[in-house]
Amino acid sequence: MASIASDVAAYVDFDKTSLLVSACSIAFNPLFWNIVARQEYHNKILTNLFGGKSRTACYALAATIFSLGMVRDYLYKTAIQEQPSHPLLLSLPSQAAAYTLLIAGNVLVVSSTWALGITGTFLGDYFGILMDEMVTGFPFNVCAAPMYWGSTMSFLGTALLFGKPAGLLLTAWVFVVYVLALRYEDPFTAGIYAKRERERERAAGKKQK
């Protein structure tokens, strides 16, 4: 156990400020969009800001989330480039795994966005812009949260590509943050759609009367 700890310490420079900044950015993004989206759902804060235009407000949040994601990715790459490389991670099998993860991860992210559209991808349901029905085709027949897991795979692929143990550590942090975010988001989103179904049932009952 001591040898493992010393090996990690040898290839992860915890004194680099960029490592902490990257970790904070990874945690900040889902925290930001969940807080803002819930404020929108309960108080219509963004819709009111955009003159009652919920779709425009959703697009603005989408652009903000996308931009924050680009900043997060830049900070991640900057952080790991300042870290030591491990020879084993630069081996041919590791590099092959890196490219495989990057390709698969991007396929999941892009296909998820294509299937859901901009509003479906970027929290449109919090703005009252709901999908007509659940998307069950690819990539949602592969995993429940392809955007999150595809992004995690891309982080891991990048860490392997540059041979950075620090990247593996940050990827583990990405995984933890996304798991927590899903536990926070999924029940709330399910509640939004359950509420819509109850309203539809009530409306159907009134028509029958």
N, C-alpha and C. Protein backbone atom coordinates (compact mmCIF):
# COMPACT_ATOMS: atom_id res chain seq x y z
N MET A 1 0.83 -1.20 0.00
CA MET A 1 0.00 0.00 0.00
C MET A 1 0.87 1.26 0.00
N ALA A 2 1.94 1.22 0.79
CA ALA A 2 2.85 2.37 0.86
C ALA A 2 3.53 2.62 -0.46
N SER A 3 3.87 1.51 -1.17
CA SER A 3 4.54 1.66 -2.47
C SER A 3 3.61 2.27 -3.50
N ILE A 4 2.32 1.90 -3.45
CA ILE A 4 1.34 2.48 -4.37
C ILE A 4 1.21 3.98 -4.12
N ALA A 5 1.12 4.35 -2.85
CA ALA A 5 0.98 5.76 -2.49
C ALA A 5 2.20 6.57 -2.93
N SER A 6 3.37 5.99 -2.75
CA SER A 6 4.59 6.70 -3.14
C SER A 6 4.70 6.81 -4.65
N ASP A 7 4.19 5.78 -5.36
CA ASP A 7 4.21 5.81 -6.83
C ASP A 7 3.29 6.90 -7.36
N VAL A 8 2.11 7.01 -6.74
CA VAL A 8 1.17 8.07 -7.14
C VAL A 8 1.77 9.44 -6.87
N ALA A 9 2.38 9.57 -5.69
CA ALA A 9 2.99 10.85 -5.32
C ALA A 9 4.11 11.23 -6.28
N ALA A 10 4.79 10.23 -6.82
CA ALA A 10 5.89 10.50 -7.74
C ALA A 10 5.40 11.02 -9.09
N TYR A 11 4.18 10.65 -9.48
CA TYR A 11 3.68 11.02 -10.80
C TYR A 11 2.51 12.01 -10.77
N VAL A 12 2.14 12.46 -9.59
CA VAL A 12 1.11 13.49 -9.46
C VAL A 12 1.68 14.60 -8.59
N ASP A 13 1.83 15.76 -9.19
CA ASP A 13 2.38 16.91 -8.47
C ASP A 13 1.22 17.72 -7.87
N PHE A 14 0.93 17.46 -6.59
CA PHE A 14 -0.19 18.11 -5.92
C PHE A 14 0.10 19.58 -5.61
N ASP A 15 1.32 20.00 -5.80
CA ASP A 15 1.66 21.40 -5.54
C ASP A 15 1.29 22.32 -6.70
N LYS A 16 0.93 21.75 -7.83
CA LYS A 16 0.55 22.55 -8.99
C LYS A 16 -0.86 23.14 -8.78
N THR A 17 -0.94 24.44 -8.84
CA THR A 17 -2.22 25.12 -8.67
C THR A 17 -3.21 24.71 -9.75
N SER A 18 -2.71 24.45 -10.94
CA SER A 18 -3.58 24.10 -12.07
C SER A 18 -4.38 22.83 -11.80
N LEU A 19 -3.83 21.91 -10.99
CA LEU A 19 -4.54 20.68 -10.66
C LEU A 19 -5.78 20.98 -9.83
N LEU A 20 -5.63 21.84 -8.84
CA LEU A 20 -6.76 22.23 -8.00
C LEU A 20 -7.78 23.03 -8.79
N VAL A 21 -7.30 23.93 -9.65
CA VAL A 21 -8.21 24.75 -10.46
C VAL A 21 -9.05 23.86 -11.37
N SER A 22 -8.41 22.85 -11.97
CA SER A 22 -9.14 21.92 -12.84
C SER A 22 -10.19 21.14 -12.05
N ALA A 23 -9.81 20.66 -10.87
CA ALA A 23 -10.75 19.91 -10.04
C ALA A 23 -11.95 20.77 -9.64
N CYS A 24 -11.69 22.03 -9.33
CA CYS A 24 -12.77 22.95 -8.96
C CYS A 24 -13.69 23.22 -10.15
N SER A 25 -13.13 23.37 -11.32
CA SER A 25 -13.91 23.60 -12.52
C SER A 25 -14.81 22.41 -12.83
N ILE A 26 -14.27 21.21 -12.66
CA ILE A 26 -15.04 19.99 -12.90
C ILE A 26 -16.25 19.92 -11.97
N ALA A 27 -16.05 20.31 -10.72
CA ALA A 27 -17.14 20.28 -9.74
C ALA A 27 -18.13 21.43 -9.96
N PHE A 28 -17.60 22.59 -10.40
CA PHE A 28 -18.44 23.78 -10.53
C PHE A 28 -19.52 23.63 -11.60
N ASN A 29 -19.17 23.06 -12.74
CA ASN A 29 -20.09 23.07 -13.88
C ASN A 29 -21.44 22.43 -13.58
N PRO A 30 -21.51 21.17 -13.14
CA PRO A 30 -22.83 20.60 -12.86
C PRO A 30 -23.53 21.29 -11.69
N LEU A 31 -22.76 21.79 -10.73
CA LEU A 31 -23.36 22.53 -9.63
C LEU A 31 -24.04 23.79 -10.16
N PHE A 32 -23.37 24.49 -11.05
CA PHE A 32 -23.90 25.71 -11.65
C PHE A 32 -25.19 25.44 -12.40
N TRP A 33 -25.16 24.45 -13.33
CA TRP A 33 -26.35 24.28 -14.17
C TRP A 33 -27.52 23.70 -13.37
N ASN A 34 -27.26 22.95 -12.33
CA ASN A 34 -28.37 22.45 -11.52
C ASN A 34 -29.01 23.56 -10.70
N ILE A 35 -28.19 24.43 -10.11
CA ILE A 35 -28.74 25.53 -9.32
C ILE A 35 -29.53 26.49 -10.21
N VAL A 36 -28.96 26.85 -11.35
CA VAL A 36 -29.63 27.79 -12.25
C VAL A 36 -30.90 27.18 -12.82
N ALA A 37 -30.84 25.91 -13.21
CA ALA A 37 -32.01 25.27 -13.80
C ALA A 37 -33.15 25.14 -12.79
N ARG A 38 -32.81 24.85 -11.55
CA ARG A 38 -33.87 24.74 -10.53
C ARG A 38 -34.47 26.11 -10.20
N GLN A 39 -33.64 27.13 -10.22
CA GLN A 39 -34.17 28.48 -10.05
C GLN A 39 -35.12 28.83 -11.19
N GLU A 40 -34.77 28.39 -12.38
CA GLU A 40 -35.64 28.60 -13.53
C GLU A 40 -36.96 27.87 -13.35
N TYR A 41 -36.88 26.62 -12.93
CA TYR A 41 -38.09 25.82 -12.79
C TYR A 41 -39.03 26.41 -11.74
N HIS A 42 -38.48 26.82 -10.61
CA HIS A 42 -39.31 27.30 -9.51
C HIS A 42 -39.69 28.78 -9.65
N ASN A 43 -38.78 29.60 -10.17
CA ASN A 43 -38.99 31.06 -10.17
C ASN A 43 -38.96 31.70 -11.55
N LYS A 44 -38.68 30.91 -12.59
CA LYS A 44 -38.62 31.43 -13.97
C LYS A 44 -37.62 32.58 -14.09
N ILE A 45 -36.50 32.45 -13.40
CA ILE A 45 -35.53 33.54 -13.34
C ILE A 45 -34.96 33.88 -14.72
N LEU A 46 -34.63 32.86 -15.52
CA LEU A 46 -34.05 33.14 -16.85
C LEU A 46 -35.13 33.55 -17.84
N THR A 47 -36.28 32.91 -17.77
CA THR A 47 -37.38 33.28 -18.68
C THR A 47 -37.77 34.73 -18.48
N ASN A 48 -37.85 35.17 -17.23
CA ASN A 48 -38.18 36.58 -16.95
C ASN A 48 -37.07 37.50 -17.45
N LEU A 49 -35.83 37.04 -17.31
CA LEU A 49 -34.69 37.85 -17.76
C LEU A 49 -34.73 38.06 -19.27
N PHE A 50 -35.27 37.06 -20.00
CA PHE A 50 -35.36 37.15 -21.45
C PHE A 50 -36.77 37.50 -21.91
N GLY A 51 -37.47 38.29 -21.11
CA GLY A 51 -38.76 38.83 -21.52
C GLY A 51 -39.85 37.81 -21.71
N GLY A 52 -39.81 36.75 -20.94
CA GLY A 52 -40.85 35.73 -21.03
C GLY A 52 -40.64 34.70 -22.12
N LYS A 53 -39.52 34.77 -22.80
CA LYS A 53 -39.23 33.83 -23.89
C LYS A 53 -38.42 32.65 -23.34
N SER A 54 -39.12 31.58 -22.98
CA SER A 54 -38.47 30.44 -22.33
C SER A 54 -37.49 29.72 -23.25
N ARG A 55 -37.84 29.63 -24.52
CA ARG A 55 -36.94 28.92 -25.45
C ARG A 55 -35.63 29.71 -25.65
N THR A 56 -35.75 31.02 -25.77
CA THR A 56 -34.55 31.86 -25.89
C THR A 56 -33.69 31.74 -24.64
N ALA A 57 -34.34 31.72 -23.48
CA ALA A 57 -33.62 31.58 -22.22
C ALA A 57 -32.90 30.24 -22.15
N CYS A 58 -33.56 29.20 -22.63
CA CYS A 58 -32.94 27.87 -22.64
C CYS A 58 -31.72 27.84 -23.54
N TYR A 59 -31.82 28.47 -24.71
CA TYR A 59 -30.68 28.54 -25.62
C TYR A 59 -29.52 29.31 -24.99
N ALA A 60 -29.85 30.35 -24.24
CA ALA A 60 -28.80 31.13 -23.57
C ALA A 60 -28.10 30.28 -22.52
N LEU A 61 -28.88 29.50 -21.77
CA LEU A 61 -28.27 28.61 -20.78
C LEU A 61 -27.42 27.54 -21.47
N ALA A 62 -27.92 27.05 -22.60
CA ALA A 62 -27.16 26.05 -23.36
C ALA A 62 -25.81 26.61 -23.80
N ALA A 63 -25.81 27.84 -24.30
CA ALA A 63 -24.56 28.46 -24.73
C ALA A 63 -23.62 28.66 -23.55
N THR A 64 -24.18 29.00 -22.40
CA THR A 64 -23.36 29.20 -21.20
C THR A 64 -22.75 27.89 -20.73
N ILE A 65 -23.57 26.84 -20.69
CA ILE A 65 -23.07 25.52 -20.27
C ILE A 65 -22.00 25.02 -21.22
N PHE A 66 -22.22 25.20 -22.52
CA PHE A 66 -21.24 24.76 -23.52
C PHE A 66 -19.93 25.52 -23.35
N SER A 67 -20.03 26.83 -23.12
CA SER A 67 -18.83 27.65 -22.94
C SER A 67 -18.07 27.25 -21.68
N LEU A 68 -18.80 27.00 -20.61
CA LEU A 68 -18.16 26.55 -19.37
C LEU A 68 -17.48 25.20 -19.57
N GLY A 69 -18.09 24.36 -20.40
CA GLY A 69 -17.49 23.07 -20.70
C GLY A 69 -16.17 23.22 -21.45
N MET A 70 -16.13 24.18 -22.36
CA MET A 70 -14.90 24.43 -23.10
C MET A 70 -13.80 24.94 -22.16
N VAL A 71 -14.18 25.82 -21.23
CA VAL A 71 -13.21 26.32 -20.25
C VAL A 71 -12.72 25.18 -19.37
N ARG A 72 -13.64 24.34 -18.91
CA ARG A 72 -13.28 23.18 -18.09
C ARG A 72 -12.30 22.27 -18.81
N ASP A 73 -12.55 22.00 -20.09
CA ASP A 73 -11.66 21.13 -20.86
C ASP A 73 -10.28 21.76 -21.03
N TYR A 74 -10.26 23.07 -21.24
CA TYR A 74 -8.98 23.78 -21.38
C TYR A 74 -8.19 23.70 -20.08
N LEU A 75 -8.87 23.91 -18.96
CA LEU A 75 -8.20 23.87 -17.66
C LEU A 75 -7.69 22.46 -17.36
N TYR A 76 -8.45 21.46 -17.78
CA TYR A 76 -8.04 20.07 -17.58
C TYR A 76 -6.77 19.76 -18.37
N LYS A 77 -6.76 20.13 -19.64
CA LYS A 77 -5.59 19.86 -20.48
C LYS A 77 -4.37 20.65 -19.99
N THR A 78 -4.60 21.88 -19.58
CA THR A 78 -3.50 22.68 -19.03
C THR A 78 -2.92 22.02 -17.78
N ALA A 79 -3.81 21.53 -16.91
CA ALA A 79 -3.37 20.91 -15.67
C ALA A 79 -2.54 19.65 -15.91
N ILE A 80 -3.02 18.78 -16.81
CA ILE A 80 -2.30 17.52 -16.98
C ILE A 80 -1.00 17.72 -17.78
N GLN A 81 -0.95 18.75 -18.61
CA GLN A 81 0.29 19.01 -19.34
C GLN A 81 1.42 19.46 -18.41
N GLU A 82 1.04 19.97 -17.24
CA GLU A 82 2.04 20.39 -16.26
C GLU A 82 2.45 19.24 -15.33
N GLN A 83 1.86 18.06 -15.55
CA GLN A 83 2.09 16.93 -14.67
C GLN A 83 3.07 15.92 -15.31
N PRO A 84 3.74 15.10 -14.48
CA PRO A 84 4.65 14.08 -15.02
C PRO A 84 3.89 13.00 -15.80
N SER A 85 4.56 12.41 -16.77
CA SER A 85 3.99 11.30 -17.54
C SER A 85 4.52 9.98 -16.98
N HIS A 86 3.70 8.95 -17.11
CA HIS A 86 4.12 7.60 -16.69
C HIS A 86 4.44 6.79 -17.94
N PRO A 87 5.60 6.14 -18.00
CA PRO A 87 5.99 5.39 -19.20
C PRO A 87 4.97 4.34 -19.62
N LEU A 88 4.34 3.67 -18.67
CA LEU A 88 3.38 2.62 -19.02
C LEU A 88 2.15 3.18 -19.74
N LEU A 89 1.79 4.40 -19.40
CA LEU A 89 0.63 5.02 -20.04
C LEU A 89 0.93 5.50 -21.46
N LEU A 90 2.21 5.53 -21.80
CA LEU A 90 2.61 5.93 -23.16
C LEU A 90 2.87 4.72 -24.06
N SER A 91 2.59 3.53 -23.54
CA SER A 91 2.80 2.31 -24.31
C SER A 91 1.74 2.18 -25.41
N LEU A 92 1.99 1.32 -26.37
CA LEU A 92 1.08 1.15 -27.50
C LEU A 92 -0.33 0.73 -27.07
N PRO A 93 -0.48 -0.27 -26.17
CA PRO A 93 -1.84 -0.63 -25.74
C PRO A 93 -2.58 0.53 -25.07
N SER A 94 -1.87 1.30 -24.26
CA SER A 94 -2.49 2.43 -23.59
C SER A 94 -2.92 3.49 -24.59
N GLN A 95 -2.10 3.73 -25.58
CA GLN A 95 -2.44 4.73 -26.60
C GLN A 95 -3.62 4.26 -27.45
N ALA A 96 -3.67 2.96 -27.74
CA ALA A 96 -4.81 2.41 -28.48
C ALA A 96 -6.10 2.58 -27.67
N ALA A 97 -6.00 2.32 -26.38
CA ALA A 97 -7.16 2.50 -25.50
C ALA A 97 -7.58 3.96 -25.46
N ALA A 98 -6.60 4.86 -25.48
CA ALA A 98 -6.89 6.30 -25.44
C ALA A 98 -7.73 6.72 -26.64
N TYR A 99 -7.29 6.33 -27.84
CA TYR A 99 -8.03 6.71 -29.05
C TYR A 99 -9.40 6.06 -29.09
N THR A 100 -9.50 4.82 -28.61
CA THR A 100 -10.79 4.13 -28.57
C THR A 100 -11.76 4.85 -27.65
N LEU A 101 -11.28 5.24 -26.48
CA LEU A 101 -12.12 5.96 -25.53
C LEU A 101 -12.55 7.31 -26.06
N LEU A 102 -11.62 8.02 -26.70
CA LEU A 102 -11.95 9.34 -27.24
C LEU A 102 -13.00 9.24 -28.34
N ILE A 103 -12.85 8.27 -29.22
CA ILE A 103 -13.82 8.09 -30.30
C ILE A 103 -15.18 7.69 -29.74
N ALA A 104 -15.19 6.66 -28.87
CA ALA A 104 -16.45 6.18 -28.30
C ALA A 104 -17.12 7.26 -27.46
N GLY A 105 -16.33 7.99 -26.68
CA GLY A 105 -16.89 9.04 -25.84
C GLY A 105 -17.54 10.14 -26.65
N ASN A 106 -16.87 10.56 -27.71
CA ASN A 106 -17.43 11.61 -28.56
C ASN A 106 -18.66 11.14 -29.32
N VAL A 107 -18.68 9.87 -29.71
CA VAL A 107 -19.87 9.32 -30.37
C VAL A 107 -21.06 9.38 -29.43
N LEU A 108 -20.85 9.01 -28.16
CA LEU A 108 -21.94 9.06 -27.18
C LEU A 108 -22.44 10.49 -26.98
N VAL A 109 -21.52 11.43 -26.85
CA VAL A 109 -21.91 12.82 -26.60
C VAL A 109 -22.65 13.41 -27.81
N VAL A 110 -22.08 13.24 -28.99
CA VAL A 110 -22.67 13.84 -30.19
C VAL A 110 -24.01 13.19 -30.52
N SER A 111 -24.09 11.85 -30.44
CA SER A 111 -25.34 11.16 -30.77
C SER A 111 -26.43 11.47 -29.75
N SER A 112 -26.03 11.67 -28.49
CA SER A 112 -26.99 12.05 -27.46
C SER A 112 -27.58 13.42 -27.76
N THR A 113 -26.72 14.37 -28.11
CA THR A 113 -27.19 15.72 -28.45
C THR A 113 -28.09 15.69 -29.68
N TRP A 114 -27.72 14.88 -30.65
CA TRP A 114 -28.52 14.75 -31.88
C TRP A 114 -29.90 14.19 -31.56
N ALA A 115 -29.96 13.18 -30.70
CA ALA A 115 -31.22 12.53 -30.37
C ALA A 115 -32.14 13.44 -29.55
N LEU A 116 -31.56 14.22 -28.66
CA LEU A 116 -32.36 15.04 -27.75
C LEU A 116 -32.62 16.45 -28.29
N GLY A 117 -31.75 16.93 -29.17
CA GLY A 117 -31.85 18.32 -29.59
C GLY A 117 -31.25 19.24 -28.54
N ILE A 118 -31.16 20.51 -28.86
CA ILE A 118 -30.54 21.46 -27.94
C ILE A 118 -31.32 21.58 -26.63
N THR A 119 -32.64 21.75 -26.73
CA THR A 119 -33.44 21.93 -25.52
C THR A 119 -33.49 20.64 -24.70
N GLY A 120 -33.51 19.50 -25.36
CA GLY A 120 -33.53 18.25 -24.62
C GLY A 120 -32.22 17.98 -23.92
N THR A 121 -31.13 18.40 -24.54
CA THR A 121 -29.81 18.19 -23.96
C THR A 121 -29.54 19.16 -22.82
N PHE A 122 -29.91 20.40 -23.01
CA PHE A 122 -29.55 21.46 -22.06
C PHE A 122 -30.74 21.90 -21.20
N LEU A 123 -31.35 20.92 -20.52
CA LEU A 123 -32.29 21.19 -19.42
C LEU A 123 -33.55 21.93 -19.85
N GLY A 124 -33.99 21.70 -21.07
CA GLY A 124 -35.21 22.36 -21.53
C GLY A 124 -36.44 22.01 -20.69
N ASP A 125 -36.44 20.82 -20.09
CA ASP A 125 -37.59 20.42 -19.28
C ASP A 125 -37.77 21.33 -18.06
N TYR A 126 -36.69 21.94 -17.58
CA TYR A 126 -36.80 22.88 -16.47
C TYR A 126 -37.46 24.19 -16.92
N PHE A 127 -37.48 24.41 -18.22
CA PHE A 127 -38.11 25.61 -18.79
C PHE A 127 -39.53 25.31 -19.25
N GLY A 128 -40.00 24.09 -19.03
CA GLY A 128 -41.32 23.70 -19.51
C GLY A 128 -41.31 23.21 -20.93
N ILE A 129 -40.13 23.01 -21.52
CA ILE A 129 -40.01 22.49 -22.89
C ILE A 129 -39.74 20.99 -22.78
N LEU A 130 -40.82 20.21 -22.80
CA LEU A 130 -40.70 18.78 -22.53
C LEU A 130 -40.69 17.96 -23.83
N MET A 131 -40.00 16.84 -23.78
CA MET A 131 -40.01 15.91 -24.91
C MET A 131 -41.38 15.25 -24.99
N ASP A 132 -41.84 14.95 -26.21
CA ASP A 132 -43.14 14.29 -26.37
C ASP A 132 -43.13 12.90 -25.74
N GLU A 133 -42.02 12.21 -25.90
CA GLU A 133 -41.87 10.88 -25.32
C GLU A 133 -40.40 10.59 -25.06
N MET A 134 -40.14 9.60 -24.22
CA MET A 134 -38.77 9.27 -23.85
C MET A 134 -38.00 8.74 -25.06
N VAL A 135 -36.76 9.19 -25.20
CA VAL A 135 -35.89 8.69 -26.27
C VAL A 135 -35.27 7.38 -25.81
N THR A 136 -35.50 6.31 -26.56
CA THR A 136 -35.00 5.00 -26.15
C THR A 136 -34.00 4.40 -27.14
N GLY A 137 -33.80 5.07 -28.28
CA GLY A 137 -32.86 4.56 -29.27
C GLY A 137 -31.42 4.89 -28.89
N PHE A 138 -30.51 4.63 -29.83
CA PHE A 138 -29.09 4.90 -29.58
C PHE A 138 -28.88 6.40 -29.33
N PRO A 139 -28.06 6.78 -28.37
CA PRO A 139 -27.22 5.94 -27.50
C PRO A 139 -27.85 5.56 -26.17
N PHE A 140 -29.17 5.87 -26.02
CA PHE A 140 -29.82 5.63 -24.72
C PHE A 140 -30.12 4.16 -24.50
N ASN A 141 -30.01 3.35 -25.56
CA ASN A 141 -30.14 1.90 -25.38
C ASN A 141 -28.80 1.28 -25.00
N VAL A 142 -27.76 2.10 -24.94
CA VAL A 142 -26.43 1.64 -24.52
C VAL A 142 -26.17 1.99 -23.06
N CYS A 143 -26.50 3.23 -22.68
CA CYS A 143 -26.36 3.66 -21.28
C CYS A 143 -27.38 4.75 -21.01
N ALA A 144 -27.70 4.92 -19.74
CA ALA A 144 -28.78 5.83 -19.36
C ALA A 144 -28.40 7.30 -19.48
N ALA A 145 -27.12 7.60 -19.31
CA ALA A 145 -26.67 9.00 -19.34
C ALA A 145 -25.47 9.13 -20.29
N PRO A 146 -25.71 8.98 -21.60
CA PRO A 146 -24.58 8.96 -22.55
C PRO A 146 -23.77 10.25 -22.59
N MET A 147 -24.41 11.38 -22.31
CA MET A 147 -23.67 12.64 -22.30
C MET A 147 -22.61 12.63 -21.19
N TYR A 148 -23.01 12.19 -20.01
CA TYR A 148 -22.09 12.15 -18.88
C TYR A 148 -21.02 11.08 -19.06
N TRP A 149 -21.43 9.89 -19.44
CA TRP A 149 -20.43 8.81 -19.55
C TRP A 149 -19.52 9.00 -20.76
N GLY A 150 -20.06 9.58 -21.82
CA GLY A 150 -19.22 9.89 -22.97
C GLY A 150 -18.17 10.93 -22.62
N SER A 151 -18.57 11.93 -21.84
CA SER A 151 -17.63 12.95 -21.38
C SER A 151 -16.57 12.34 -20.48
N THR A 152 -16.97 11.45 -19.58
CA THR A 152 -16.02 10.79 -18.69
C THR A 152 -15.02 9.97 -19.49
N MET A 153 -15.49 9.27 -20.52
CA MET A 153 -14.60 8.49 -21.38
C MET A 153 -13.60 9.38 -22.10
N SER A 154 -14.04 10.57 -22.49
CA SER A 154 -13.13 11.51 -23.16
C SER A 154 -12.05 12.02 -22.21
N PHE A 155 -12.44 12.28 -20.97
CA PHE A 155 -11.44 12.68 -19.97
C PHE A 155 -10.41 11.57 -19.79
N LEU A 156 -10.89 10.34 -19.67
CA LEU A 156 -9.99 9.22 -19.47
C LEU A 156 -9.10 9.01 -20.69
N GLY A 157 -9.68 9.11 -21.88
CA GLY A 157 -8.90 8.97 -23.10
C GLY A 157 -7.81 10.01 -23.22
N THR A 158 -8.13 11.24 -22.83
CA THR A 158 -7.13 12.32 -22.88
C THR A 158 -6.00 12.05 -21.89
N ALA A 159 -6.36 11.57 -20.69
CA ALA A 159 -5.34 11.25 -19.68
C ALA A 159 -4.38 10.18 -20.20
N LEU A 160 -4.92 9.16 -20.83
CA LEU A 160 -4.08 8.09 -21.37
C LEU A 160 -3.26 8.56 -22.56
N LEU A 161 -3.86 9.41 -23.38
CA LEU A 161 -3.17 9.90 -24.57
C LEU A 161 -1.89 10.65 -24.20
N PHE A 162 -1.97 11.43 -23.14
CA PHE A 162 -0.79 12.19 -22.69
C PHE A 162 0.02 11.43 -21.63
N GLY A 163 -0.47 10.25 -21.24
CA GLY A 163 0.26 9.43 -20.29
C GLY A 163 0.35 10.04 -18.90
N LYS A 164 -0.74 10.67 -18.44
CA LYS A 164 -0.70 11.43 -17.19
C LYS A 164 -1.51 10.76 -16.08
N PRO A 165 -0.84 10.24 -15.04
CA PRO A 165 -1.56 9.72 -13.88
C PRO A 165 -2.46 10.78 -13.23
N ALA A 166 -2.05 12.03 -13.26
CA ALA A 166 -2.89 13.10 -12.72
C ALA A 166 -4.21 13.18 -13.47
N GLY A 167 -4.15 12.89 -14.76
CA GLY A 167 -5.38 12.87 -15.56
C GLY A 167 -6.31 11.76 -15.13
N LEU A 168 -5.73 10.62 -14.75
CA LEU A 168 -6.55 9.51 -14.25
C LEU A 168 -7.22 9.91 -12.94
N LEU A 169 -6.49 10.65 -12.10
CA LEU A 169 -7.04 11.11 -10.84
C LEU A 169 -8.19 12.09 -11.07
N LEU A 170 -8.00 13.01 -11.99
CA LEU A 170 -9.06 13.97 -12.30
C LEU A 170 -10.26 13.29 -12.95
N THR A 171 -10.00 12.26 -13.76
CA THR A 171 -11.10 11.51 -14.37
C THR A 171 -11.93 10.81 -13.30
N ALA A 172 -11.27 10.26 -12.29
CA ALA A 172 -12.00 9.64 -11.18
C ALA A 172 -12.88 10.68 -10.49
N TRP A 173 -12.39 11.90 -10.38
CA TRP A 173 -13.16 12.99 -9.80
C TRP A 173 -14.35 13.34 -10.67
N VAL A 174 -14.14 13.35 -11.98
CA VAL A 174 -15.24 13.58 -12.93
C VAL A 174 -16.34 12.54 -12.71
N PHE A 175 -15.94 11.28 -12.59
CA PHE A 175 -16.88 10.19 -12.38
C PHE A 175 -17.70 10.41 -11.11
N VAL A 176 -17.03 10.76 -10.02
CA VAL A 176 -17.72 10.99 -8.75
C VAL A 176 -18.71 12.15 -8.87
N VAL A 177 -18.27 13.24 -9.49
CA VAL A 177 -19.12 14.42 -9.65
C VAL A 177 -20.35 14.10 -10.48
N TYR A 178 -20.18 13.35 -11.56
CA TYR A 178 -21.32 13.01 -12.42
C TYR A 178 -22.29 12.05 -11.75
N VAL A 179 -21.76 11.10 -10.99
CA VAL A 179 -22.64 10.19 -10.25
C VAL A 179 -23.51 10.97 -9.27
N LEU A 180 -22.89 11.90 -8.55
CA LEU A 180 -23.64 12.73 -7.61
C LEU A 180 -24.66 13.61 -8.34
N ALA A 181 -24.25 14.16 -9.48
CA ALA A 181 -25.16 15.01 -10.26
C ALA A 181 -26.38 14.22 -10.73
N LEU A 182 -26.17 13.00 -11.18
CA LEU A 182 -27.28 12.17 -11.66
C LEU A 182 -28.23 11.81 -10.53
N ARG A 183 -27.70 11.57 -9.35
CA ARG A 183 -28.56 11.26 -8.21
C ARG A 183 -29.40 12.47 -7.82
N TYR A 184 -28.91 13.62 -8.16
CA TYR A 184 -29.61 14.87 -7.86
C TYR A 184 -30.59 15.22 -8.97
N GLU A 185 -30.19 14.99 -10.22
CA GLU A 185 -30.99 15.41 -11.37
C GLU A 185 -32.10 14.44 -11.73
N ASP A 186 -31.79 13.14 -11.78
CA ASP A 186 -32.73 12.16 -12.32
C ASP A 186 -34.09 12.16 -11.60
N PRO A 187 -34.12 12.13 -10.25
CA PRO A 187 -35.42 12.14 -9.59
C PRO A 187 -36.22 13.42 -9.86
N PHE A 188 -35.50 14.54 -9.95
CA PHE A 188 -36.19 15.81 -10.20
C PHE A 188 -36.79 15.84 -11.60
N THR A 189 -36.00 15.39 -12.59
CA THR A 189 -36.50 15.36 -13.96
C THR A 189 -37.67 14.39 -14.09
N ALA A 190 -37.56 13.24 -13.44
CA ALA A 190 -38.66 12.27 -13.46
C ALA A 190 -39.92 12.89 -12.86
N GLY A 191 -39.75 13.69 -11.82
CA GLY A 191 -40.89 14.37 -11.20
C GLY A 191 -41.56 15.35 -12.13
N ILE A 192 -40.77 16.03 -12.97
CA ILE A 192 -41.33 16.98 -13.94
C ILE A 192 -42.24 16.26 -14.92
N TYR A 193 -41.78 15.13 -15.44
CA TYR A 193 -42.57 14.39 -16.42
C TYR A 193 -43.76 13.69 -15.76
N ALA A 194 -43.60 13.25 -14.51
CA ALA A 194 -44.72 12.64 -13.79
C ALA A 194 -45.82 13.67 -13.57
N LYS A 195 -45.42 14.90 -13.29
CA LYS A 195 -46.40 15.98 -13.11
C LYS A 195 -47.16 16.22 -14.41
N ARG A 196 -46.43 16.21 -15.54
CA ARG A 196 -47.11 16.41 -16.82
C ARG A 196 -48.13 15.30 -17.08
N GLU A 197 -47.76 14.05 -16.77
CA GLU A 197 -48.68 12.94 -16.99
C GLU A 197 -49.92 13.07 -16.13
N ARG A 198 -49.76 13.53 -14.89
CA ARG A 198 -50.92 13.74 -14.02
C ARG A 198 -51.83 14.82 -14.59
N GLU A 199 -51.22 15.87 -15.13
CA GLU A 199 -52.02 16.95 -15.73
C GLU A 199 -52.76 16.46 -16.97
N ARG A 200 -52.10 15.61 -17.77
CA ARG A 200 -52.75 15.04 -18.95
C ARG A 200 -53.94 14.16 -18.55
N GLU A 201 -53.76 13.38 -17.49
CA GLU A 201 -54.83 12.50 -17.03
C GLU A 201 -56.01 13.30 -16.52
N ARG A 202 -55.72 14.39 -15.81
CA ARG A 202 -56.81 15.24 -15.33
C ARG A 202 -57.56 15.88 -16.49
N ALA A 203 -56.79 16.34 -17.50
CA ALA A 203 -57.41 16.97 -18.66
C ALA A 203 -58.27 15.96 -19.43
N ALA A 204 -57.78 14.74 -19.54
CA ALA A 204 -58.54 13.69 -20.23
C ALA A 204 -59.81 13.35 -19.47
N GLY A 205 -59.71 13.35 -18.14
CA GLY A 205 -60.89 13.07 -17.31
C GLY A 205 -61.96 14.13 -17.45
N LYS A 206 -61.54 15.38 -17.56
CA LYS A 206 -62.50 16.47 -17.73
C LYS A 206 -63.21 16.38 -19.07
N LYS A 207 -62.44 15.96 -20.12
CA LYS A 207 -63.05 15.85 -21.45
C LYS A 207 -64.13 14.75 -21.46
N GLN A 208 -63.84 13.66 -20.75
CA GLN A 208 -64.80 12.54 -20.72
C GLN A 208 -66.09 12.93 -20.02
N LYS A 209 -65.98 13.84 -19.04
CA LYS A 209 -67.18 14.29 -18.35
C LYS A 209 -68.01 15.22 -19.23
